[in-house]
């Protein structure tokens, strides 16, 4: 027996990947000292939980279909035997759920998890109850039922806190943070990740602390806390280089690439270099990692390389990279996903730049449907504004432009986004002015002026005052 270098569990000599943490057992990959990063993309499951010694863990590796069919037949036969003998079947139901998950049959996986949960509840097995709630939560999250996902994660958390199993508490807190991040609830996402980090540090769980800190970086990007991001990434780099953890290195590099991109134009070259390092490492593990795992790691890499190509006026390369990103997302996500919305939105922006207006509107509308599903109001307003601008600036369709702009304005006003509200009310004033609807124009100019006064933007407020004076001169009714 030898130990997995990642989770430090005992593994068999002939295993190509660790059955506990799902990472390939690579010993010959050439890793440069400058390469680094975080947990595996699908490492949010409590896949380290043990069942009986003769059972396999519920994991996320996708096996060959024939092998899974044979496994399901074997499990079904054993279920019938145990049911006839009146023996517990919860562990077998968990394994059956795992096999269906690997087949990407989430409905059957969920059904078997719910049956397993019922079995463990009748036995009063709190650890197994927590396992079931966690895995149900992961499937609910993947299928877009976020409230149910949070409910099940919290039930798992209750059990684990009572058991004082803090290693697994940290994992579930990260799962909760992941859901809140998907629905753009940054406050609760930050709170969950920070709680996970605090507990991991308190209990001296180094690996879990590093993973939690890496997840926390995603909320810090939104909060623009770049100083703390830099500290976390430096610490994670040292950790994963010491462990020779290629997955950690890849994910840290991805975050470094995003970090430099968000810092602005002066750091674009550094961002590009980090993402190129990611592609180099991904090429080294292509024979060991499944397509499912690789696509998890590729999508953001291609997305940001596409955005960099746009800034460097390489539209052909940008389109190719963004389409690769979209393909990667659709490989590992069964249903529409917020990630897909992000890629589609940026493809739409690219087509706007290229002057392919109808194609841009088509992609904006697809991304809009996804953002509406996830309830991301600021994104919804932004997309509606962009569509309205295309209709106004390029298609001269003022009616459609007004419709989308007024819908965007309503959302921005509800969100108290003063700057965006000022910009749209001013633009609507211009549109109505050109349509010779002077009373409406004056109304929107007045609202825009008030918003700019609130922002203490004297220049724009003064310009709007001049527009109102001109309207008054040209139309005695105003």
Protein backbone atom coordinates (compact mmCIF):
# COMPACT_ATOMS: atom_id res chain seq x y z
CA UNK A 1 0.00 0.00 0.00
CA UNK A 2 1.05 3.60 -0.63
CA UNK A 3 -0.45 7.00 0.22
CA UNK A 4 -2.20 9.42 -2.12
CA UNK A 5 -0.05 12.60 -2.26
CA UNK A 6 -3.20 14.75 -2.20
CA UNK A 7 -5.54 13.39 0.49
CA UNK A 8 -2.94 11.12 2.16
CA UNK A 9 -5.31 8.12 2.18
CA UNK A 10 -4.07 4.58 1.50
CA UNK A 11 -4.28 3.64 -2.18
CA UNK A 12 -3.62 0.50 -4.21
CA UNK A 13 -0.57 0.25 -6.44
CA UNK A 14 -2.58 -0.34 -9.62
CA UNK A 15 -4.92 2.67 -9.21
CA UNK A 16 -4.59 5.26 -11.96
CA UNK A 17 -6.51 7.79 -9.85
CA UNK A 18 -7.26 8.11 -6.13
CA UNK A 19 -10.70 6.64 -5.41
CA UNK A 20 -11.11 9.04 -2.47
CA UNK A 21 -10.18 12.47 -3.87
CA UNK A 22 -10.46 11.52 -7.60
CA UNK A 23 -7.08 12.98 -8.59
CA UNK A 24 -4.83 11.17 -11.10
CA UNK A 25 -1.76 9.59 -9.55
CA UNK A 26 0.89 11.31 -11.62
CA UNK A 27 4.54 11.09 -10.65
CA UNK A 28 6.36 12.11 -13.81
CA UNK A 29 4.74 15.41 -14.73
CA UNK A 30 7.31 18.18 -15.12
CA UNK A 31 6.10 21.07 -12.98
CA UNK A 32 7.91 24.38 -13.01
CA UNK A 33 8.30 26.22 -9.72
CA UNK A 34 6.32 29.18 -11.04
CA UNK A 35 3.16 27.11 -11.52
CA UNK A 36 0.49 26.87 -8.87
CA UNK A 37 -3.25 26.78 -7.66
CA UNK A 38 -6.35 25.40 -5.76
CA UNK A 39 -8.76 22.52 -5.41
CA UNK A 40 -10.07 20.43 -8.26
CA UNK A 41 -13.08 21.95 -9.98
CA UNK A 42 -15.51 19.34 -8.71
CA UNK A 43 -13.84 18.91 -5.31
CA UNK A 44 -16.83 20.39 -3.48
CA UNK A 45 -18.44 17.03 -2.71
CA UNK A 46 -17.83 15.25 0.60
CA UNK A 47 -16.29 12.48 -1.45
CA UNK A 48 -13.84 11.67 1.36
CA UNK A 49 -16.64 10.08 3.40
CA UNK A 50 -16.26 6.35 3.99
CA UNK A 51 -18.94 3.71 3.87
CA UNK A 52 -18.37 0.03 4.58
CA UNK A 53 -14.93 -1.24 3.60
CA UNK A 54 -16.34 -3.28 0.72
CA UNK A 55 -18.23 -0.30 -0.74
CA UNK A 56 -16.94 2.47 -3.01
CA UNK A 57 -17.20 6.15 -2.21
CA UNK A 58 -19.75 8.39 -3.90
CA UNK A 59 -17.43 10.31 -6.24
CA UNK A 60 -17.54 12.37 -9.40
CA UNK A 61 -15.30 10.38 -11.72
CA UNK A 62 -17.08 9.33 -14.89
CA UNK A 63 -16.36 5.70 -15.74
CA UNK A 64 -17.01 3.84 -19.01
CA UNK A 65 -20.67 3.13 -19.66
CA UNK A 66 -20.27 -0.68 -19.90
CA UNK A 67 -18.53 -0.83 -16.55
CA UNK A 68 -21.28 1.23 -14.95
CA UNK A 69 -24.00 -1.01 -16.39
CA UNK A 70 -22.27 -4.06 -14.91
CA UNK A 71 -21.87 -2.26 -11.60
CA UNK A 72 -25.58 -1.39 -11.50
CA UNK A 73 -26.57 -5.00 -12.24
CA UNK A 74 -24.31 -6.21 -9.44
CA UNK A 75 -25.70 -3.64 -6.99
CA UNK A 76 -29.29 -4.55 -7.92
CA UNK A 77 -28.59 -8.24 -7.26
CA UNK A 78 -27.06 -7.45 -3.86
CA UNK A 79 -29.99 -5.18 -3.01
CA UNK A 80 -32.44 -8.02 -3.63
CA UNK A 81 -30.38 -10.38 -1.45
CA UNK A 82 -30.19 -7.93 1.45
CA UNK A 83 -33.87 -7.03 1.23
CA UNK A 84 -34.81 -10.72 1.41
CA UNK A 85 -32.61 -11.13 4.49
CA UNK A 86 -33.97 -7.93 6.03
CA UNK A 87 -30.51 -6.36 6.14
CA UNK A 88 -29.79 -2.61 5.81
CA UNK A 89 -29.50 -1.40 2.19
CA UNK A 90 -28.57 2.25 2.64
CA UNK A 91 -24.93 1.85 1.56
CA UNK A 92 -25.92 -0.06 -1.57
CA UNK A 93 -28.42 2.66 -2.46
CA UNK A 94 -25.62 5.21 -2.11
CA UNK A 95 -23.44 3.21 -4.49
CA UNK A 96 -26.35 2.90 -6.91
CA UNK A 97 -26.82 6.68 -6.75
CA UNK A 98 -23.11 7.11 -7.45
CA UNK A 99 -23.26 4.87 -10.53
CA UNK A 100 -26.25 6.76 -11.91
CA UNK A 101 -24.47 10.05 -11.26
CA UNK A 102 -21.49 8.88 -13.28
CA UNK A 103 -23.90 8.04 -16.09
CA UNK A 104 -25.19 11.64 -15.70
CA UNK A 105 -28.67 10.27 -14.91
CA UNK A 106 -29.28 12.78 -12.13
CA UNK A 107 -32.96 11.94 -11.72
CA UNK A 108 -32.26 8.29 -10.84
CA UNK A 109 -29.27 9.29 -8.73
CA UNK A 110 -31.43 11.68 -6.74
CA UNK A 111 -34.18 9.07 -6.30
CA UNK A 112 -31.72 6.56 -4.85
CA UNK A 113 -30.17 9.15 -2.56
CA UNK A 114 -33.60 9.99 -1.18
CA UNK A 115 -34.27 6.28 -0.53
CA UNK A 116 -30.86 5.94 1.13
CA UNK A 117 -31.65 8.97 3.29
CA UNK A 118 -34.90 7.37 4.43
CA UNK A 119 -33.05 4.16 5.32
CA UNK A 120 -30.40 5.96 7.35
CA UNK A 121 -33.00 8.09 9.13
CA UNK A 122 -34.79 4.91 10.27
CA UNK A 123 -31.44 3.61 11.57
CA UNK A 124 -30.52 6.91 13.23
CA UNK A 125 -27.14 7.01 11.43
CA UNK A 126 -26.33 10.73 11.57
CA UNK A 127 -23.13 10.52 9.51
CA UNK A 128 -24.84 8.72 6.63
CA UNK A 129 -27.78 11.12 6.89
CA UNK A 130 -25.33 13.98 6.46
CA UNK A 131 -23.75 12.23 3.45
CA UNK A 132 -27.15 11.89 1.77
CA UNK A 133 -28.18 15.48 2.43
CA UNK A 134 -24.85 16.71 1.04
CA UNK A 135 -25.04 14.65 -2.14
CA UNK A 136 -28.70 15.57 -2.67
CA UNK A 137 -27.68 19.21 -2.26
CA UNK A 138 -25.02 18.84 -4.94
CA UNK A 139 -27.53 17.43 -7.43
CA UNK A 140 -30.13 20.09 -6.56
CA UNK A 141 -27.45 22.72 -7.17
CA UNK A 142 -26.45 21.19 -10.48
CA UNK A 143 -30.05 21.10 -11.70
CA UNK A 144 -30.68 24.70 -10.67
CA UNK A 145 -32.81 24.18 -7.55
CA UNK A 146 -30.70 26.42 -5.36
CA UNK A 147 -33.04 26.86 -2.41
CA UNK A 148 -33.40 23.08 -2.05
CA UNK A 149 -29.62 22.71 -2.37
CA UNK A 150 -29.03 25.15 0.48
CA UNK A 151 -31.69 23.40 2.56
CA UNK A 152 -29.98 20.01 2.19
CA UNK A 153 -26.50 21.41 2.79
CA UNK A 154 -27.73 23.06 5.99
CA UNK A 155 -29.30 19.77 7.15
CA UNK A 156 -25.95 18.05 6.54
CA UNK A 157 -24.21 20.86 8.42
CA UNK A 158 -26.50 20.44 11.44
CA UNK A 159 -25.64 16.74 11.71
CA UNK A 160 -21.92 17.27 11.21
CA UNK A 161 -21.75 20.05 13.80
CA UNK A 162 -23.43 17.72 16.30
CA UNK A 163 -20.87 15.03 15.42
CA UNK A 164 -18.09 17.65 15.70
CA UNK A 165 -16.71 16.37 12.39
CA UNK A 166 -15.10 19.67 11.46
CA UNK A 167 -13.28 18.37 8.41
CA UNK A 168 -16.62 17.65 6.76
CA UNK A 169 -18.20 20.79 8.24
CA UNK A 170 -15.65 22.81 6.30
CA UNK A 171 -16.48 20.95 3.08
CA UNK A 172 -20.21 21.56 3.42
CA UNK A 173 -19.68 25.24 4.25
CA UNK A 174 -17.75 25.51 0.99
CA UNK A 175 -20.65 23.83 -0.82
CA UNK A 176 -23.04 26.42 0.63
CA UNK A 177 -20.69 29.21 -0.42
CA UNK A 178 -20.62 27.79 -3.95
CA UNK A 179 -24.41 27.96 -4.24
CA UNK A 180 -24.63 31.51 -2.93
CA UNK A 181 -21.88 32.52 -5.36
CA UNK A 182 -23.88 31.05 -8.27
CA UNK A 183 -26.95 33.12 -7.37
CA UNK A 184 -24.80 36.23 -6.89
CA UNK A 185 -25.46 36.46 -3.15
CA UNK A 186 -21.94 37.66 -2.40
CA UNK A 187 -22.60 38.49 1.24
CA UNK A 188 -23.71 34.96 2.17
CA UNK A 189 -21.13 33.36 -0.11
CA UNK A 190 -18.35 35.33 1.57
CA UNK A 191 -19.72 34.46 5.02
CA UNK A 192 -19.81 30.71 4.26
CA UNK A 193 -16.31 30.61 2.78
CA UNK A 194 -14.91 32.70 5.62
CA UNK A 195 -16.57 30.43 8.22
CA UNK A 196 -15.04 27.42 6.47
CA UNK A 197 -11.62 29.07 6.49
CA UNK A 198 -11.88 30.04 10.17
CA UNK A 199 -12.80 26.50 11.23
CA UNK A 200 -10.10 24.91 9.05
CA UNK A 201 -7.46 27.17 10.55
CA UNK A 202 -8.77 26.60 14.08
CA UNK A 203 -8.69 22.82 13.64
CA UNK A 204 -5.32 22.91 11.85
CA UNK A 205 -6.78 21.46 8.64
CA UNK A 206 -4.18 22.84 6.25
CA UNK A 207 -5.54 21.41 3.00
CA UNK A 208 -9.10 22.46 3.78
CA UNK A 209 -7.90 25.94 4.77
CA UNK A 210 -6.15 26.33 1.43
CA UNK A 211 -9.24 25.16 -0.48
CA UNK A 212 -11.53 27.47 1.49
CA UNK A 213 -9.22 30.44 0.95
CA UNK A 214 -9.12 29.66 -2.77
CA UNK A 215 -12.93 29.64 -2.91
CA UNK A 216 -13.00 32.88 -0.94
CA UNK A 217 -10.96 34.51 -3.71
CA UNK A 218 -14.00 34.30 -6.00
CA UNK A 219 -15.99 36.60 -3.70
CA UNK A 220 -12.98 38.85 -3.20
CA UNK A 221 -12.85 39.38 -6.98
CA UNK A 222 -16.37 40.84 -6.77
CA UNK A 223 -15.41 42.92 -3.71
CA UNK A 224 -12.18 44.04 -5.46
CA UNK A 225 -10.10 43.21 -2.40
CA UNK A 226 -6.98 42.71 -4.49
CA UNK A 227 -4.52 42.94 -1.60
CA UNK A 228 -6.08 39.98 0.17
CA UNK A 229 -6.40 38.05 -3.11
CA UNK A 230 -2.67 38.47 -3.70
CA UNK A 231 -1.82 37.19 -0.21
CA UNK A 232 -4.05 34.13 -0.60
CA UNK A 233 -2.67 33.26 -4.03
CA UNK A 234 0.93 33.58 -2.83
CA UNK A 235 0.21 31.28 0.11
CA UNK A 236 -1.64 28.76 -2.08
CA UNK A 237 1.19 28.79 -4.61
CA UNK A 238 3.71 27.75 -1.94
CA UNK A 239 1.41 25.03 -0.62
CA UNK A 240 0.65 23.39 -3.97
CA UNK A 241 4.26 23.57 -5.15
CA UNK A 242 5.37 21.81 -1.96
CA UNK A 243 2.69 19.13 -2.47
CA UNK A 244 3.37 18.90 -6.21
CA UNK A 245 -0.43 19.13 -6.61
CA UNK A 246 -1.05 19.70 -10.29
CA UNK A 247 -4.77 20.41 -9.87
CA UNK A 248 -4.07 22.96 -7.17
CA UNK A 249 -1.47 24.54 -9.41
CA UNK A 250 -3.83 24.76 -12.37
CA UNK A 251 -6.62 26.36 -10.37
CA UNK A 252 -4.31 28.86 -8.68
CA UNK A 253 -2.93 29.84 -12.07
CA UNK A 254 -6.47 30.40 -13.33
CA UNK A 255 -7.14 32.71 -10.40
CA UNK A 256 -3.84 34.51 -11.01
CA UNK A 257 -4.86 35.01 -14.64
CA UNK A 258 -8.19 36.51 -13.55
CA UNK A 259 -6.42 38.61 -10.92
CA UNK A 260 -4.08 40.23 -13.44
CA UNK A 261 -6.90 40.69 -15.97
CA UNK A 262 -9.03 42.55 -13.43
CA UNK A 263 -6.10 44.78 -12.46
CA UNK A 264 -6.34 46.33 -15.92
CA UNK A 265 -4.50 46.87 -19.18
CA UNK A 266 -1.01 47.17 -17.72
CA UNK A 267 -1.32 43.60 -16.42
CA UNK A 268 -2.88 41.94 -19.48
CA UNK A 269 0.40 40.36 -20.59
CA UNK A 270 0.88 38.79 -17.14
CA UNK A 271 -2.69 37.49 -17.30
CA UNK A 272 -2.03 35.97 -20.73
CA UNK A 273 1.12 34.23 -19.50
CA UNK A 274 -0.70 32.65 -16.53
CA UNK A 275 -3.43 31.24 -18.76
CA UNK A 276 -0.82 29.88 -21.18
CA UNK A 277 0.76 28.06 -18.24
CA UNK A 278 -2.65 26.58 -17.47
CA UNK A 279 -2.96 25.21 -21.01
CA UNK A 280 0.53 23.71 -20.76
CA UNK A 281 -0.36 21.88 -17.55
CA UNK A 282 -3.72 20.75 -18.92
CA UNK A 283 -1.92 19.22 -21.88
CA UNK A 284 0.27 17.23 -19.48
CA UNK A 285 -2.71 15.63 -17.71
CA UNK A 286 -4.93 15.07 -20.77
CA UNK A 287 -4.36 11.30 -20.68
CA UNK A 288 -5.11 11.02 -16.95
CA UNK A 289 -7.97 13.45 -16.36
CA UNK A 290 -11.45 12.84 -17.76
CA UNK A 291 -13.00 15.16 -20.34
CA UNK A 292 -15.47 16.17 -17.63
CA UNK A 293 -12.71 17.36 -15.29
CA UNK A 294 -10.65 18.99 -18.04
CA UNK A 295 -13.62 20.99 -19.27
CA UNK A 296 -14.18 22.26 -15.72
CA UNK A 297 -10.64 23.62 -15.77
CA UNK A 298 -10.63 24.90 -19.35
CA UNK A 299 -13.71 27.07 -19.57
CA UNK A 300 -12.44 30.12 -17.66
CA UNK A 301 -9.02 29.85 -19.27
CA UNK A 302 -10.52 30.08 -22.76
CA UNK A 303 -12.98 32.77 -21.64
CA UNK A 304 -10.32 35.17 -20.38
CA UNK A 305 -7.95 34.44 -23.26
CA UNK A 306 -10.88 35.34 -25.52
CA UNK A 307 -11.42 38.60 -23.65
CA UNK A 308 -7.73 39.40 -23.96
CA UNK A 309 -7.91 38.70 -27.71
CA UNK A 310 -10.79 41.19 -27.95
CA UNK A 311 -8.73 43.91 -26.23
CA UNK A 312 -5.91 43.22 -28.68
CA UNK A 313 -8.30 43.50 -31.69
CA UNK A 314 -7.89 39.85 -32.68
CA UNK A 315 -11.55 39.13 -33.37
CA UNK A 316 -11.04 35.80 -35.15
CA UNK A 317 -8.97 34.39 -32.28
CA UNK A 318 -11.40 35.84 -29.73
CA UNK A 319 -14.38 34.11 -31.36
CA UNK A 320 -12.53 30.79 -31.51
CA UNK A 321 -11.54 30.98 -27.83
CA UNK A 322 -14.98 32.04 -26.61
CA UNK A 323 -16.62 29.21 -28.55
CA UNK A 324 -14.15 26.78 -26.94
CA UNK A 325 -15.16 28.17 -23.56
CA UNK A 326 -18.84 27.65 -24.40
CA UNK A 327 -18.15 24.08 -25.54
CA UNK A 328 -16.31 23.35 -22.28
CA UNK A 329 -19.20 24.67 -20.16
CA UNK A 330 -21.72 22.61 -22.10
CA UNK A 331 -19.54 19.53 -21.61
CA UNK A 332 -19.69 19.56 -17.81
CA UNK A 333 -23.08 21.23 -17.30
CA UNK A 334 -26.27 19.36 -18.18
CA UNK A 335 -28.61 22.31 -17.72
CA UNK A 336 -28.27 26.02 -18.43
CA UNK A 337 -25.66 27.48 -16.15
CA UNK A 338 -24.62 30.97 -15.08
CA UNK A 339 -21.21 30.22 -16.63
CA UNK A 340 -22.87 29.66 -19.99
CA UNK A 341 -24.65 33.00 -19.65
CA UNK A 342 -21.33 34.74 -19.05
CA UNK A 343 -19.70 33.20 -22.14
CA UNK A 344 -22.74 33.93 -24.33
CA UNK A 345 -22.79 37.55 -23.11
CA UNK A 346 -19.16 38.04 -24.12
CA UNK A 347 -19.75 36.40 -27.49
CA UNK A 348 -22.59 38.88 -28.00
CA UNK A 349 -20.24 41.77 -27.16
CA UNK A 350 -17.73 40.44 -29.69
CA UNK A 351 -20.42 40.26 -32.42
CA UNK A 352 -21.40 43.84 -31.56
CA UNK A 353 -17.80 44.93 -32.16
CA UNK A 354 -17.74 42.97 -35.43
CA UNK A 355 -20.95 44.70 -36.57
CA UNK A 356 -22.97 41.46 -36.62
CA UNK A 357 -25.91 43.14 -34.88
CA UNK A 358 -28.61 40.47 -35.26
CA UNK A 359 -26.21 37.77 -34.11
CA UNK A 360 -25.26 39.93 -31.12
CA UNK A 361 -28.93 40.39 -30.17
CA UNK A 362 -29.52 36.65 -30.52
CA UNK A 363 -26.67 35.80 -28.14
CA UNK A 364 -27.61 38.57 -25.71
CA UNK A 365 -31.17 37.20 -25.57
CA UNK A 366 -29.98 33.64 -24.86
CA UNK A 367 -27.75 34.89 -22.05
CA UNK A 368 -30.66 37.02 -20.82
CA UNK A 369 -32.85 33.92 -20.43
CA UNK A 370 -30.16 32.28 -18.32
CA UNK A 371 -29.65 35.34 -16.09
CA UNK A 372 -33.41 35.56 -15.59
CA UNK A 373 -33.44 31.95 -14.44
CA UNK A 374 -30.73 32.73 -11.89
CA UNK A 375 -32.37 35.99 -10.82
CA UNK A 376 -29.26 38.11 -11.47
CA UNK A 377 -31.04 41.46 -11.76
CA UNK A 378 -27.99 43.63 -12.42
CA UNK A 379 -26.95 41.32 -15.28
CA UNK A 380 -30.50 41.32 -16.66
CA UNK A 381 -30.54 45.12 -16.68
CA UNK A 382 -27.11 45.29 -18.29
CA UNK A 383 -28.11 42.92 -21.10
CA UNK A 384 -31.35 44.81 -21.76
CA UNK A 385 -29.37 48.05 -21.91
CA UNK A 386 -26.90 46.55 -24.40
CA UNK A 387 -29.71 45.27 -26.63
CA UNK A 388 -31.44 48.64 -26.45
CA UNK A 389 -28.22 50.37 -27.51
CA UNK A 390 -27.81 48.07 -30.52
CA UNK A 391 -31.36 48.81 -31.67
CA UNK A 392 -30.75 52.54 -31.26
CA UNK A 393 -27.17 52.95 -32.50
CA UNK A 394 -27.09 50.48 -35.39
CA UNK A 395 -30.56 49.26 -36.37
CA UNK A 396 -32.44 52.57 -36.02
CA UNK A 397 -35.30 50.68 -34.40
CA UNK A 398 -36.35 53.29 -31.83
CA UNK A 399 -39.43 51.43 -30.67
CA UNK A 400 -37.46 48.28 -29.71
CA UNK A 401 -34.71 50.44 -28.26
CA UNK A 402 -37.15 52.27 -25.97
CA UNK A 403 -38.70 48.98 -24.83
CA UNK A 404 -35.39 47.45 -23.73
CA UNK A 405 -34.01 50.67 -22.26
CA UNK A 406 -37.10 51.34 -20.16
CA UNK A 407 -37.08 47.74 -18.89
CA UNK A 408 -33.40 48.12 -17.95
CA UNK A 409 -34.13 51.47 -16.27
CA UNK A 410 -36.89 49.99 -14.13
CA UNK A 411 -34.52 47.32 -12.80
CA UNK A 412 -31.67 49.77 -12.18
CA UNK A 413 -33.99 52.11 -10.29
CA UNK A 414 -35.24 49.22 -8.14
CA UNK A 415 -31.62 48.35 -7.39
CA UNK A 416 -30.80 52.02 -6.64
CA UNK A 417 -28.04 52.02 -9.29
CA UNK A 418 -27.90 55.78 -9.68
CA UNK A 419 -25.14 56.03 -12.29
CA UNK A 420 -26.79 53.56 -14.67
CA UNK A 421 -30.20 55.16 -14.10
CA UNK A 422 -28.75 58.57 -14.97
CA UNK A 423 -27.19 57.25 -18.19
CA UNK A 424 -30.39 55.57 -19.39
CA UNK A 425 -32.76 58.43 -18.52
CA UNK A 426 -30.48 60.83 -20.40
CA UNK A 427 -30.40 58.52 -23.43
CA UNK A 428 -34.19 58.06 -23.39
CA UNK A 429 -34.51 61.84 -23.27
CA UNK A 430 -32.43 62.05 -26.47
CA UNK A 431 -34.51 59.37 -28.19
CA UNK A 432 -37.83 61.02 -27.35
CA UNK A 433 -36.40 64.39 -28.38
CA UNK A 434 -35.53 63.00 -31.83
CA UNK A 435 -39.03 61.55 -32.06
CA UNK A 436 -40.36 65.06 -31.25
CA UNK A 437 -42.06 63.80 -28.09
CA UNK A 438 -40.92 66.86 -26.20
CA UNK A 439 -42.86 66.39 -22.97
CA UNK A 440 -41.46 62.88 -22.52
CA UNK A 441 -37.99 64.13 -23.44
CA UNK A 442 -38.20 66.87 -20.81
CA UNK A 443 -39.42 64.37 -18.21
CA UNK A 444 -36.47 62.04 -18.78
CA UNK A 445 -33.96 64.92 -18.96
CA UNK A 446 -35.24 66.17 -15.60
CA UNK A 447 -34.89 62.74 -14.02
CA UNK A 448 -31.41 62.38 -15.47
CA UNK A 449 -30.38 65.79 -14.15
CA UNK A 450 -31.60 64.84 -10.68
CA UNK A 451 -29.60 61.63 -10.78
CA UNK A 452 -26.44 63.46 -11.86
CA UNK A 453 -26.96 66.03 -9.11
CA UNK A 454 -27.20 63.12 -6.68
CA UNK A 455 -23.90 61.82 -8.08
CA UNK A 456 -22.43 65.33 -7.80
CA UNK A 457 -21.63 65.19 -11.51
CA UNK A 458 -21.88 68.88 -12.29
CA UNK A 459 -20.82 68.61 -15.94
CA UNK A 460 -23.56 66.17 -16.95
CA UNK A 461 -26.13 67.96 -14.81
CA UNK A 462 -25.23 71.25 -16.54
CA UNK A 463 -25.51 69.66 -20.00
CA UNK A 464 -28.98 68.39 -19.16
CA UNK A 465 -30.03 71.80 -17.88
CA UNK A 466 -29.03 73.24 -21.25
CA UNK A 467 -31.08 70.57 -23.06
CA UNK A 468 -34.11 71.45 -20.93
CA UNK A 469 -33.67 75.16 -21.66
CA UNK A 470 -33.46 74.43 -25.39
CA UNK A 471 -36.62 72.35 -25.22
CA UNK A 472 -38.42 75.14 -23.39
CA UNK A 473 -37.40 77.61 -26.09
CA UNK A 474 -38.55 75.35 -28.95
CA UNK A 475 -41.80 74.21 -27.38
CA UNK A 476 -43.90 76.73 -25.53
CA UNK A 477 -45.97 73.95 -24.03
CA UNK A 478 -43.06 72.88 -21.82
